[in-house]
Amino acid sequence: MYQEFGTTLKENEPNILFSAARSYVVKCAGICFDSEIQNLSLSFEIKRIVKDFIAKGPIELFYNAKVKEVLDQIIKN
């Protein structure tokens, strides 16, 4: 079930939605979100976002704003 979208359930994740959100955030480095849409045409902003994302290390699943944004989109749609 988790292999369908290229991720696995980790011990600290309560369900598939958190796994999906984490996987999406990690794979796009936090740039493919509604909150970043205005920056997609600016290469220097994309580089900044990616560098910031990489510098933070592992994402905090329950406190990361991007994970919450993905989960909000899942709930709305």
PDB file of N, CA and C in Angstrom:
ATOM      1  N   MET A   1       0.818  -1.192   0.000  1.00  0.00           N
ATOM      2  CA  MET A   1       0.000   0.000   0.000  1.00  0.00           C
ATOM      3  C   MET A   1       0.868   1.265   0.000  1.00  0.00           C
ATOM      4  N   TYR A   2       1.931   1.282   0.797  1.00  0.00           N
ATOM      5  CA  TYR A   2       2.780   2.464   0.873  1.00  0.00           C
ATOM      6  C   TYR A   2       3.717   2.582  -0.314  1.00  0.00           C
ATOM      7  N   GLN A   3       3.986   1.486  -0.984  1.00  0.00           N
ATOM      8  CA  GLN A   3       4.880   1.517  -2.130  1.00  0.00           C
ATOM      9  C   GLN A   3       4.242   2.186  -3.336  1.00  0.00           C
ATOM     10  N   GLU A   4       2.935   2.286  -3.360  1.00  0.00           N
ATOM     11  CA  GLU A   4       2.225   2.874  -4.492  1.00  0.00           C
ATOM     12  C   GLU A   4       2.682   4.296  -4.795  1.00  0.00           C
ATOM     13  N   PHE A   5       3.036   5.082  -3.775  1.00  0.00           N
ATOM     14  CA  PHE A   5       3.483   6.442  -4.024  1.00  0.00           C
ATOM     15  C   PHE A   5       4.930   6.652  -3.620  1.00  0.00           C
ATOM     16  N   GLY A   6       5.680   5.565  -3.501  1.00  0.00           N
ATOM     17  CA  GLY A   6       7.117   5.652  -3.318  1.00  0.00           C
ATOM     18  C   GLY A   6       7.593   6.016  -1.934  1.00  0.00           C
ATOM     19  N   THR A   7       6.907   5.560  -0.909  1.00  0.00           N
ATOM     20  CA  THR A   7       7.373   5.837   0.452  1.00  0.00           C
ATOM     21  C   THR A   7       7.081   4.643   1.343  1.00  0.00           C
ATOM     22  N   THR A   8       7.548   4.718   2.563  1.00  0.00           N
ATOM     23  CA  THR A   8       7.285   3.674   3.549  1.00  0.00           C
ATOM     24  C   THR A   8       6.795   4.332   4.831  1.00  0.00           C
ATOM     25  N   LEU A   9       6.078   3.582   5.621  1.00  0.00           N
ATOM     26  CA  LEU A   9       5.597   4.068   6.909  1.00  0.00           C
ATOM     27  C   LEU A   9       6.749   3.993   7.902  1.00  0.00           C
ATOM     28  N   LYS A  10       7.059   5.101   8.545  1.00  0.00           N
ATOM     29  CA  LYS A  10       8.107   5.124   9.568  1.00  0.00           C
ATOM     30  C   LYS A  10       7.462   4.957  10.935  1.00  0.00           C
ATOM     31  N   GLU A  11       8.262   4.548  11.913  1.00  0.00           N
ATOM     32  CA  GLU A  11       7.734   4.253  13.246  1.00  0.00           C
ATOM     33  C   GLU A  11       7.021   5.434  13.899  1.00  0.00           C
ATOM     34  N   ASN A  12       7.492   6.658  13.647  1.00  0.00           N
ATOM     35  CA  ASN A  12       6.896   7.814  14.304  1.00  0.00           C
ATOM     36  C   ASN A  12       5.711   8.397  13.541  1.00  0.00           C
ATOM     37  N   GLU A  13       5.287   7.761  12.476  1.00  0.00           N
ATOM     38  CA  GLU A  13       4.163   8.256  11.676  1.00  0.00           C
ATOM     39  C   GLU A  13       2.905   7.456  11.979  1.00  0.00           C
ATOM     40  N   PRO A  14       1.827   8.153  12.310  1.00  0.00           N
ATOM     41  CA  PRO A  14       0.623   7.445  12.740  1.00  0.00           C
ATOM     42  C   PRO A  14      -0.181   6.791  11.620  1.00  0.00           C
ATOM     43  N   ASN A  15      -0.057   7.310  10.392  1.00  0.00           N
ATOM     44  CA  ASN A  15      -0.859   6.733   9.313  1.00  0.00           C
ATOM     45  C   ASN A  15      -0.304   7.110   7.941  1.00  0.00           C
ATOM     46  N   ILE A  16      -0.965   6.632   6.912  1.00  0.00           N
ATOM     47  CA  ILE A  16      -0.510   6.819   5.535  1.00  0.00           C
ATOM     48  C   ILE A  16      -0.531   8.293   5.104  1.00  0.00           C
ATOM     49  N   LEU A  17      -1.429   9.095   5.654  1.00  0.00           N
ATOM     50  CA  LEU A  17      -1.480  10.509   5.276  1.00  0.00           C
ATOM     51  C   LEU A  17      -0.219  11.236   5.719  1.00  0.00           C
ATOM     52  N   PHE A  18       0.258  10.978   6.925  1.00  0.00           N
ATOM     53  CA  PHE A  18       1.500  11.587   7.374  1.00  0.00           C
ATOM     54  C   PHE A  18       2.672  11.083   6.540  1.00  0.00           C
ATOM     55  N   SER A  19       2.664   9.798   6.189  1.00  0.00           N
ATOM     56  CA  SER A  19       3.729   9.245   5.346  1.00  0.00           C
ATOM     57  C   SER A  19       3.728   9.920   3.981  1.00  0.00           C
ATOM     58  N   ALA A  20       2.552  10.102   3.413  1.00  0.00           N
ATOM     59  CA  ALA A  20       2.438  10.751   2.107  1.00  0.00           C
ATOM     60  C   ALA A  20       2.901  12.195   2.173  1.00  0.00           C
ATOM     61  N   ALA A  21       2.492  12.910   3.213  1.00  0.00           N
ATOM     62  CA  ALA A  21       2.888  14.312   3.364  1.00  0.00           C
ATOM     63  C   ALA A  21       4.393  14.438   3.520  1.00  0.00           C
ATOM     64  N   ARG A  22       4.986  13.612   4.375  1.00  0.00           N
ATOM     65  CA  ARG A  22       6.428  13.638   4.558  1.00  0.00           C
ATOM     66  C   ARG A  22       7.152  13.349   3.258  1.00  0.00           C
ATOM     67  N   SER A  23       6.714  12.333   2.556  1.00  0.00           N
ATOM     68  CA  SER A  23       7.342  11.945   1.297  1.00  0.00           C
ATOM     69  C   SER A  23       7.274  13.068   0.271  1.00  0.00           C
ATOM     70  N   TYR A  24       6.118  13.695   0.160  1.00  0.00           N
ATOM     71  CA  TYR A  24       5.945  14.789  -0.797  1.00  0.00           C
ATOM     72  C   TYR A  24       6.848  15.971  -0.460  1.00  0.00           C
ATOM     73  N   VAL A  25       6.883  16.357   0.803  1.00  0.00           N
ATOM     74  CA  VAL A  25       7.720  17.481   1.224  1.00  0.00           C
ATOM     75  C   VAL A  25       9.185  17.191   0.948  1.00  0.00           C
ATOM     76  N   VAL A  26       9.629  15.995   1.269  1.00  0.00           N
ATOM     77  CA  VAL A  26      11.035  15.631   1.050  1.00  0.00           C
ATOM     78  C   VAL A  26      11.370  15.601  -0.437  1.00  0.00           C
ATOM     79  N   LYS A  27      10.488  15.038  -1.241  1.00  0.00           N
ATOM     80  CA  LYS A  27      10.771  14.905  -2.677  1.00  0.00           C
ATOM     81  C   LYS A  27      10.772  16.231  -3.425  1.00  0.00           C
ATOM     82  N   CYS A  28       9.970  17.186  -2.995  1.00  0.00           N
ATOM     83  CA  CYS A  28       9.940  18.472  -3.707  1.00  0.00           C
ATOM     84  C   CYS A  28      10.714  19.559  -2.970  1.00  0.00           C
ATOM     85  N   ALA A  29      11.351  19.200  -1.857  1.00  0.00           N
ATOM     86  CA  ALA A  29      12.163  20.133  -1.061  1.00  0.00           C
ATOM     87  C   ALA A  29      11.386  21.374  -0.637  1.00  0.00           C
ATOM     88  N   GLY A  30      10.089  21.271  -0.533  1.00  0.00           N
ATOM     89  CA  GLY A  30       9.295  22.375  -0.019  1.00  0.00           C
ATOM     90  C   GLY A  30       8.997  23.481  -1.002  1.00  0.00           C
ATOM     91  N   ILE A  31       9.133  23.236  -2.310  1.00  0.00           N
ATOM     92  CA  ILE A  31       8.886  24.330  -3.263  1.00  0.00           C
ATOM     93  C   ILE A  31       7.559  24.233  -4.007  1.00  0.00           C
ATOM     94  N   CYS A  32       6.925  23.089  -4.018  1.00  0.00           N
ATOM     95  CA  CYS A  32       5.702  22.903  -4.817  1.00  0.00           C
ATOM     96  C   CYS A  32       4.447  23.037  -3.959  1.00  0.00           C
ATOM     97  N   PHE A  33       4.278  24.187  -3.353  1.00  0.00           N
ATOM     98  CA  PHE A  33       3.159  24.423  -2.468  1.00  0.00           C
ATOM     99  C   PHE A  33       2.481  25.728  -2.835  1.00  0.00           C
ATOM    100  N   ASP A  34       1.221  25.852  -2.444  1.00  0.00           N
ATOM    101  CA  ASP A  34       0.491  27.106  -2.681  1.00  0.00           C
ATOM    102  C   ASP A  34       1.239  28.291  -2.078  1.00  0.00           C
ATOM    103  N   SER A  35       1.831  28.082  -0.906  1.00  0.00           N
ATOM    104  CA  SER A  35       2.523  29.182  -0.234  1.00  0.00           C
ATOM    105  C   SER A  35       3.807  29.605  -0.941  1.00  0.00           C
ATOM    106  N   GLU A  36       4.302  28.785  -1.867  1.00  0.00           N
ATOM    107  CA  GLU A  36       5.536  29.102  -2.591  1.00  0.00           C
ATOM    108  C   GLU A  36       5.305  29.357  -4.082  1.00  0.00           C
ATOM    109  N   ILE A  37       4.060  29.320  -4.526  1.00  0.00           N
ATOM    110  CA  ILE A  37       3.743  29.435  -5.959  1.00  0.00           C
ATOM    111  C   ILE A  37       4.343  30.684  -6.601  1.00  0.00           C
ATOM    112  N   GLN A  38       4.339  31.794  -5.889  1.00  0.00           N
ATOM    113  CA  GLN A  38       4.870  33.033  -6.450  1.00  0.00           C
ATOM    114  C   GLN A  38       6.382  32.966  -6.650  1.00  0.00           C
ATOM    115  N   ASN A  39       7.057  32.019  -6.006  1.00  0.00           N
ATOM    116  CA  ASN A  39       8.515  31.912  -6.105  1.00  0.00           C
ATOM    117  C   ASN A  39       8.999  30.963  -7.195  1.00  0.00           C
ATOM    118  N   LEU A  40       8.106  30.210  -7.812  1.00  0.00           N
ATOM    119  CA  LEU A  40       8.527  29.195  -8.773  1.00  0.00           C
ATOM    120  C   LEU A  40       9.174  29.761 -10.029  1.00  0.00           C
ATOM    121  N   SER A  41       8.924  30.995 -10.341  1.00  0.00           N
ATOM    122  CA  SER A  41       9.550  31.598 -11.523  1.00  0.00           C
ATOM    123  C   SER A  41      10.866  32.296 -11.185  1.00  0.00           C
ATOM    124  N   LEU A  42      11.246  32.306  -9.920  1.00  0.00           N
ATOM    125  CA  LEU A  42      12.468  32.977  -9.478  1.00  0.00           C
ATOM    126  C   LEU A  42      13.509  31.941  -9.061  1.00  0.00           C
ATOM    127  N   SER A  43      14.501  31.719  -9.905  1.00  0.00           N
ATOM    128  CA  SER A  43      15.476  30.655  -9.629  1.00  0.00           C
ATOM    129  C   SER A  43      16.238  30.890  -8.328  1.00  0.00           C
ATOM    130  N   PHE A  44      16.540  32.146  -7.994  1.00  0.00           N
ATOM    131  CA  PHE A  44      17.275  32.411  -6.755  1.00  0.00           C
ATOM    132  C   PHE A  44      16.433  32.070  -5.525  1.00  0.00           C
ATOM    133  N   GLU A  45      15.111  32.239  -5.627  1.00  0.00           N
ATOM    134  CA  GLU A  45      14.222  31.877  -4.525  1.00  0.00           C
ATOM    135  C   GLU A  45      14.130  30.361  -4.379  1.00  0.00           C
ATOM    136  N   ILE A  46      14.083  29.654  -5.495  1.00  0.00           N
ATOM    137  CA  ILE A  46      14.047  28.192  -5.448  1.00  0.00           C
ATOM    138  C   ILE A  46      15.319  27.673  -4.788  1.00  0.00           C
ATOM    139  N   LYS A  47      16.469  28.222  -5.180  1.00  0.00           N
ATOM    140  CA  LYS A  47      17.736  27.803  -4.569  1.00  0.00           C
ATOM    141  C   LYS A  47      17.736  28.092  -3.071  1.00  0.00           C
ATOM    142  N   ARG A  48      17.224  29.242  -2.668  1.00  0.00           N
ATOM    143  CA  ARG A  48      17.170  29.598  -1.251  1.00  0.00           C
ATOM    144  C   ARG A  48      16.285  28.628  -0.476  1.00  0.00           C
ATOM    145  N   ILE A  49      15.119  28.337  -1.010  1.00  0.00           N
ATOM    146  CA  ILE A  49      14.183  27.429  -0.349  1.00  0.00           C
ATOM    147  C   ILE A  49      14.802  26.047  -0.192  1.00  0.00           C
ATOM    148  N   VAL A  50      15.420  25.548  -1.251  1.00  0.00           N
ATOM    149  CA  VAL A  50      16.032  24.216  -1.209  1.00  0.00           C
ATOM    150  C   VAL A  50      17.191  24.195  -0.220  1.00  0.00           C
ATOM    151  N   LYS A  51      18.043  25.221  -0.240  1.00  0.00           N
ATOM    152  CA  LYS A  51      19.164  25.280   0.704  1.00  0.00           C
ATOM    153  C   LYS A  51      18.658  25.320   2.144  1.00  0.00           C
ATOM    154  N   ASP A  52      17.627  26.112   2.406  1.00  0.00           N
ATOM    155  CA  ASP A  52      17.044  26.167   3.748  1.00  0.00           C
ATOM    156  C   ASP A  52      16.498  24.808   4.169  1.00  0.00           C
ATOM    157  N   PHE A  53      15.827  24.147   3.245  1.00  0.00           N
ATOM    158  CA  PHE A  53      15.238  22.837   3.527  1.00  0.00           C
ATOM    159  C   PHE A  53      16.317  21.814   3.850  1.00  0.00           C
ATOM    160  N   ILE A  54      17.381  21.799   3.047  1.00  0.00           N
ATOM    161  CA  ILE A  54      18.479  20.848   3.254  1.00  0.00           C
ATOM    162  C   ILE A  54      19.199  21.125   4.571  1.00  0.00           C
ATOM    163  N   ALA A  55      19.399  22.390   4.889  1.00  0.00           N
ATOM    164  CA  ALA A  55      20.121  22.764   6.100  1.00  0.00           C
ATOM    165  C   ALA A  55      19.386  22.351   7.377  1.00  0.00           C
ATOM    166  N   LYS A  56      18.076  22.226   7.309  1.00  0.00           N
ATOM    167  CA  LYS A  56      17.292  21.872   8.494  1.00  0.00           C
ATOM    168  C   LYS A  56      17.421  20.406   8.865  1.00  0.00           C
ATOM    169  N   GLY A  57      17.884  19.556   7.958  1.00  0.00           N
ATOM    170  CA  GLY A  57      18.001  18.132   8.260  1.00  0.00           C
ATOM    171  C   GLY A  57      16.652  17.444   8.194  1.00  0.00           C
ATOM    172  N   PRO A  58      16.493  16.375   8.972  1.00  0.00           N
ATOM    173  CA  PRO A  58      15.213  15.631   8.948  1.00  0.00           C
ATOM    174  C   PRO A  58      14.052  16.533   9.350  1.00  0.00           C
ATOM    175  N   ILE A  59      12.927  16.353   8.684  1.00  0.00           N
ATOM    176  CA  ILE A  59      11.781  17.207   9.002  1.00  0.00           C
ATOM    177  C   ILE A  59      11.071  16.701  10.247  1.00  0.00           C
ATOM    178  N   GLU A  60      10.551  17.641  11.010  1.00  0.00           N
ATOM    179  CA  GLU A  60       9.733  17.321  12.176  1.00  0.00           C
ATOM    180  C   GLU A  60       8.316  17.080  11.675  1.00  0.00           C
ATOM    181  N   LEU A  61       7.932  15.856  11.657  1.00  0.00           N
ATOM    182  CA  LEU A  61       6.679  15.449  11.026  1.00  0.00           C
ATOM    183  C   LEU A  61       5.457  16.175  11.572  1.00  0.00           C
ATOM    184  N   PHE A  62       5.362  16.332  12.866  1.00  0.00           N
ATOM    185  CA  PHE A  62       4.145  16.890  13.467  1.00  0.00           C
ATOM    186  C   PHE A  62       4.175  18.409  13.578  1.00  0.00           C
ATOM    187  N   TYR A  63       5.336  19.035  13.358  1.00  0.00           N
ATOM    188  CA  TYR A  63       5.448  20.475  13.559  1.00  0.00           C
ATOM    189  C   TYR A  63       5.847  21.234  12.305  1.00  0.00           C
ATOM    190  N   ASN A  64       6.172  20.539  11.235  1.00  0.00           N
ATOM    191  CA  ASN A  64       6.632  21.183  10.007  1.00  0.00           C
ATOM    192  C   ASN A  64       5.463  21.837   9.283  1.00  0.00           C
ATOM    193  N   ALA A  65       5.622  23.125   8.940  1.00  0.00           N
ATOM    194  CA  ALA A  65       4.544  23.878   8.289  1.00  0.00           C
ATOM    195  C   ALA A  65       4.193  23.297   6.923  1.00  0.00           C
ATOM    196  N   LYS A  66       5.179  22.790   6.196  1.00  0.00           N
ATOM    197  CA  LYS A  66       4.911  22.233   4.865  1.00  0.00           C
ATOM    198  C   LYS A  66       4.107  20.937   4.972  1.00  0.00           C
ATOM    199  N   VAL A  67       4.410  20.112   5.957  1.00  0.00           N
ATOM    200  CA  VAL A  67       3.633  18.887   6.160  1.00  0.00           C
ATOM    201  C   VAL A  67       2.190  19.253   6.497  1.00  0.00           C
ATOM    202  N   LYS A  68       2.008  20.253   7.348  1.00  0.00           N
ATOM    203  CA  LYS A  68       0.650  20.697   7.682  1.00  0.00           C
ATOM    204  C   LYS A  68      -0.070  21.225   6.452  1.00  0.00           C
ATOM    205  N   GLU A  69       0.650  21.919   5.569  1.00  0.00           N
ATOM    206  CA  GLU A  69       0.044  22.441   4.355  1.00  0.00           C
ATOM    207  C   GLU A  69      -0.426  21.307   3.447  1.00  0.00           C
ATOM    208  N   VAL A  70       0.387  20.249   3.321  1.00  0.00           N
ATOM    209  CA  VAL A  70      -0.007  19.093   2.515  1.00  0.00           C
ATOM    210  C   VAL A  70      -1.234  18.421   3.126  1.00  0.00           C
ATOM    211  N   LEU A  71      -1.221  18.217   4.423  1.00  0.00           N
ATOM    212  CA  LEU A  71      -2.367  17.585   5.077  1.00  0.00           C
ATOM    213  C   LEU A  71      -3.630  18.422   4.950  1.00  0.00           C
ATOM    214  N   ASP A  72      -3.506  19.740   5.034  1.00  0.00           N
ATOM    215  CA  ASP A  72      -4.664  20.616   4.820  1.00  0.00           C
ATOM    216  C   ASP A  72      -5.232  20.452   3.410  1.00  0.00           C
ATOM    217  N   GLN A  73      -4.371  20.340   2.419  1.00  0.00           N
ATOM    218  CA  GLN A  73      -4.820  20.150   1.034  1.00  0.00           C
ATOM    219  C   GLN A  73      -5.508  18.796   0.866  1.00  0.00           C
ATOM    220  N   ILE A  74      -4.979  17.773   1.517  1.00  0.00           N
ATOM    221  CA  ILE A  74      -5.608  16.444   1.454  1.00  0.00           C
ATOM    222  C   ILE A  74      -7.004  16.518   2.045  1.00  0.00           C
ATOM    223  N   ILE A  75      -7.143  17.188   3.180  1.00  0.00           N
ATOM    224  CA  ILE A  75      -8.443  17.303   3.853  1.00  0.00           C
ATOM    225  C   ILE A  75      -9.428  18.103   2.990  1.00  0.00           C
ATOM    226  N   LYS A  76      -8.965  19.198   2.399  1.00  0.00           N
ATOM    227  CA  LYS A  76      -9.850  20.062   1.595  1.00  0.00           C
ATOM    228  C   LYS A  76     -10.301  19.380   0.303  1.00  0.00           C
ATOM    229  N   ASN A  77      -9.434  18.565  -0.269  1.00  0.00           N
ATOM    230  CA  ASN A  77      -9.753  17.946  -1.545  1.00  0.00           C
ATOM    231  C   ASN A  77     -10.167  16.515  -1.360  1.00  0.00           C
TER     232      ASN A  77
END
